[in-house]
Amino acid sequence: MPPRPRMTKIPSVLSEEEIKRLFDVTTNLKHRVLLKTAYSAGLRLSEVIRLRPEHIESDPSRMMIRVEQSKGRKDRYTVLSRTLLSELREYWHRYQPREWLFPGRGGNYHIGPTTVHQIFVRAKKKAGIIRGRGLHVLRHSFATHMLYHGTDLYTLKQLLGHTSIKTTTIYLHLLPERYSRLTSPLDHIFAHVEGES
């Protein structure tokens, strides 16, 4: 019997309006900056908690976040948002993080994944958002919004740290509005023929 084809589960994604609402209700600066960092750079939970201050490369010619030893033990760069950078500066000024960008209690180790999950769930509830069970929904939302705003698949693959482009193509299924902008070649043919008559 041939193997059954693997079903591809389309991930949950928040709208840009829901993302904004999530940040607006998060009044704790550290929590808001953490959530904004995860979304704005498309980071996994394990990646955002292991960021160090030196991973933020804010030179105007670069504006990148370095992600070290992510999934598959690979290093990569992803985008640093200018909006995030101004809030990161405020955060640095107030908290002065040393070893970890988001330290846990006591400051000797990074913030824990359970704590981050609780921060996200509380913010989501406060914002009245139902979709997305974990922080990973911010990564899915980043990828979908990047594609919607014109980022090509190959660049998105690099930013997300995917090994295969096939993994990145799942986000194409989350953009039904892209089909509404397409026209059939039949329409082009008849528009051309009618234009000549």
Protein backbone atom coordinates (compact mmCIF):
# COMPACT_ATOMS: atom_id res chain seq x y z
CA MET A 1 0.00 0.00 0.00
CA PRO A 2 1.51 3.39 -0.96
CA PRO A 3 2.27 5.79 1.90
CA ARG A 4 -0.45 8.34 2.58
CA PRO A 5 0.47 11.87 1.56
CA ARG A 6 1.45 14.10 4.45
CA MET A 7 -1.24 16.64 5.29
CA THR A 8 0.03 20.21 5.48
CA LYS A 9 -1.53 22.12 8.33
CA ILE A 10 -1.94 25.80 7.56
CA PRO A 11 -0.84 27.83 10.61
CA SER A 12 -2.93 30.44 12.39
CA VAL A 13 -2.08 34.04 11.60
CA LEU A 14 -3.11 37.29 13.26
CA SER A 15 -4.12 40.30 11.20
CA GLU A 16 -2.01 43.46 11.34
CA GLU A 17 -4.83 45.10 13.32
CA GLU A 18 -4.75 42.27 15.88
CA ILE A 19 -0.95 42.54 16.15
CA LYS A 20 -1.25 46.27 16.86
CA ARG A 21 -3.95 45.62 19.46
CA LEU A 22 -1.75 43.01 21.15
CA PHE A 23 1.07 45.55 21.53
CA ASP A 24 -1.24 48.38 22.59
CA VAL A 25 -2.58 46.40 25.58
CA THR A 26 0.90 45.31 26.72
CA THR A 27 1.82 48.15 29.06
CA ASN A 28 4.90 46.53 30.66
CA LEU A 29 7.85 47.84 28.59
CA LYS A 30 9.94 44.66 28.85
CA HIS A 31 7.01 42.45 27.84
CA ARG A 32 6.01 44.71 24.94
CA VAL A 33 9.56 44.92 23.58
CA LEU A 34 9.93 41.14 23.84
CA LEU A 35 6.69 40.52 21.90
CA LYS A 36 7.57 43.19 19.33
CA THR A 37 11.03 41.66 18.84
CA ALA A 38 9.54 38.19 18.25
CA TYR A 39 7.04 39.52 15.68
CA SER A 40 9.15 42.14 13.91
CA ALA A 41 12.01 39.72 13.21
CA GLY A 42 10.03 36.48 12.78
CA LEU A 43 11.78 34.75 15.68
CA ARG A 44 11.06 31.42 17.29
CA LEU A 45 10.50 31.40 21.06
CA SER A 46 13.88 29.73 21.64
CA GLU A 47 15.56 32.44 19.53
CA VAL A 48 14.01 35.50 21.15
CA ILE A 49 14.82 34.35 24.70
CA ARG A 50 18.48 33.70 23.79
CA LEU A 51 19.15 37.09 22.25
CA ARG A 52 22.06 39.05 23.68
CA PRO A 53 22.45 42.86 23.49
CA GLU A 54 25.30 42.51 20.97
CA HIS A 55 22.98 40.62 18.58
CA ILE A 56 21.19 43.89 17.83
CA GLU A 57 23.18 45.47 15.00
CA SER A 58 21.74 48.98 14.83
CA ASP A 59 24.29 50.57 12.52
CA PRO A 60 22.16 52.51 9.98
CA SER A 61 23.85 50.66 7.09
CA ARG A 62 22.93 47.23 8.53
CA MET A 63 19.86 47.25 10.84
CA MET A 64 19.94 43.50 11.48
CA ILE A 65 19.39 41.04 14.31
CA ARG A 66 21.90 38.20 14.51
CA VAL A 67 20.37 34.86 15.46
CA GLU A 68 22.99 32.42 16.71
CA GLN A 69 22.69 28.63 16.83
CA SER A 70 19.01 28.53 15.94
CA LYS A 71 17.17 25.40 14.77
CA GLY A 72 19.64 23.07 13.07
CA ARG A 73 22.50 24.93 14.82
CA LYS A 74 22.62 27.57 12.11
CA ASP A 75 23.39 31.26 12.46
CA ARG A 76 21.48 33.80 10.41
CA TYR A 77 20.51 37.45 10.17
CA THR A 78 17.01 38.85 10.17
CA VAL A 79 15.56 42.33 9.86
CA LEU A 80 15.71 44.94 12.65
CA SER A 81 12.68 47.21 12.67
CA ARG A 82 13.31 50.94 13.07
CA THR A 83 10.14 51.17 15.17
CA LEU A 84 11.44 48.40 17.44
CA LEU A 85 14.88 50.02 17.67
CA SER A 86 13.51 53.20 19.24
CA GLU A 87 11.67 51.13 21.87
CA LEU A 88 14.74 48.94 22.41
CA ARG A 89 16.74 52.09 23.23
CA GLU A 90 14.18 53.06 25.86
CA TYR A 91 14.28 49.49 27.19
CA TRP A 92 18.11 49.46 27.34
CA HIS A 93 18.11 52.79 29.17
CA ARG A 94 15.64 51.54 31.79
CA TYR A 95 16.78 47.91 32.28
CA GLN A 96 20.44 48.00 31.16
CA PRO A 97 20.55 44.29 30.19
CA ARG A 98 24.04 42.84 30.27
CA GLU A 99 24.45 39.19 29.27
CA TRP A 100 20.92 38.52 27.97
CA LEU A 101 18.68 40.98 26.15
CA PHE A 102 15.71 39.62 28.10
CA PRO A 103 17.07 38.34 31.42
CA GLY A 104 15.04 36.23 33.79
CA ARG A 105 14.66 36.87 37.49
CA GLY A 106 18.03 37.49 39.09
CA GLY A 107 19.52 38.40 35.70
CA ASN A 108 21.95 35.47 35.52
CA TYR A 109 20.00 33.58 32.88
CA HIS A 110 17.62 34.48 30.06
CA ILE A 111 13.87 34.71 30.56
CA GLY A 112 12.21 31.29 30.54
CA PRO A 113 9.91 29.98 27.78
CA THR A 114 7.04 29.41 30.25
CA THR A 115 7.21 33.05 31.38
CA VAL A 116 7.16 34.26 27.77
CA HIS A 117 4.19 32.01 27.01
CA GLN A 118 2.31 33.47 29.99
CA ILE A 119 3.12 37.03 28.86
CA PHE A 120 1.78 36.25 25.38
CA VAL A 121 -1.39 34.51 26.60
CA ARG A 122 -2.20 37.38 29.01
CA ALA A 123 -1.69 40.00 26.28
CA LYS A 124 -3.79 38.01 23.81
CA LYS A 125 -6.63 37.67 26.31
CA LYS A 126 -6.47 41.38 27.16
CA ALA A 127 -6.59 42.24 23.44
CA GLY A 128 -9.59 39.94 22.89
CA ILE A 129 -7.71 37.75 20.40
CA ILE A 130 -8.84 34.13 20.09
CA ARG A 131 -6.53 32.71 17.39
CA GLY A 132 -3.02 31.43 18.01
CA ARG A 133 -2.20 29.32 21.03
CA GLY A 134 1.50 30.13 21.38
CA LEU A 135 4.10 32.75 20.58
CA HIS A 136 4.82 30.99 17.26
CA VAL A 137 1.72 32.70 15.82
CA LEU A 138 3.78 35.93 15.80
CA ARG A 139 6.39 34.23 13.57
CA HIS A 140 3.66 32.97 11.22
CA SER A 141 2.12 36.45 11.16
CA PHE A 142 5.50 38.05 10.38
CA ALA A 143 6.03 35.68 7.43
CA THR A 144 2.54 36.23 6.03
CA HIS A 145 2.68 40.02 6.41
CA MET A 146 6.14 40.14 4.79
CA LEU A 147 4.82 38.23 1.75
CA TYR A 148 1.74 40.43 1.60
CA HIS A 149 3.94 43.52 1.47
CA GLY A 150 6.02 42.15 -1.40
CA THR A 151 8.96 40.23 0.12
CA ASP A 152 10.01 37.40 -2.19
CA LEU A 153 9.98 33.79 -1.01
CA TYR A 154 13.75 33.32 -1.16
CA THR A 155 14.42 36.37 1.05
CA LEU A 156 11.71 35.24 3.48
CA LYS A 157 13.29 31.76 3.61
CA GLN A 158 16.61 33.35 4.64
CA LEU A 159 15.00 35.59 7.27
CA LEU A 160 13.11 32.67 8.83
CA GLY A 161 16.10 30.32 8.71
CA HIS A 162 14.28 27.59 6.79
CA THR A 163 16.41 24.83 5.27
CA SER A 164 13.99 24.21 2.41
CA ILE A 165 11.96 26.68 0.34
CA LYS A 166 9.09 24.15 0.56
CA THR A 167 8.68 25.05 4.23
CA THR A 168 8.39 28.73 3.34
CA THR A 169 5.80 28.16 0.58
CA ILE A 170 3.15 27.25 3.18
CA TYR A 171 2.71 30.99 3.77
CA LEU A 172 1.46 31.42 0.20
CA HIS A 173 -1.69 29.52 1.26
CA LEU A 174 -2.40 32.24 3.81
CA LEU A 175 -2.80 34.97 1.19
CA PRO A 176 -6.17 34.36 -0.50
CA GLU A 177 -6.39 38.04 -1.45
CA ARG A 178 -3.43 37.58 -3.80
CA TYR A 179 -5.71 35.48 -6.03
CA SER A 180 -8.25 38.31 -6.24
CA ARG A 181 -5.62 40.46 -7.98
CA LEU A 182 -4.88 37.84 -10.66
CA THR A 183 -6.42 37.81 -14.09
CA SER A 184 -6.77 34.80 -16.34
CA PRO A 185 -4.76 34.75 -19.58
CA LEU A 186 -8.13 34.36 -21.35
CA ASP A 187 -9.07 37.87 -20.16
CA HIS A 188 -5.77 39.21 -21.51
CA ILE A 189 -6.39 37.60 -24.90
CA PHE A 190 -9.90 38.95 -25.25
CA ALA A 191 -8.96 42.40 -23.90
CA HIS A 192 -6.25 42.51 -26.61
CA VAL A 193 -8.61 41.28 -29.37
CA GLU A 194 -11.37 43.70 -28.33
CA GLY A 195 -8.84 46.52 -28.20
CA GLU A 196 -7.99 45.86 -31.87
CA SER A 197 -11.61 45.81 -33.06
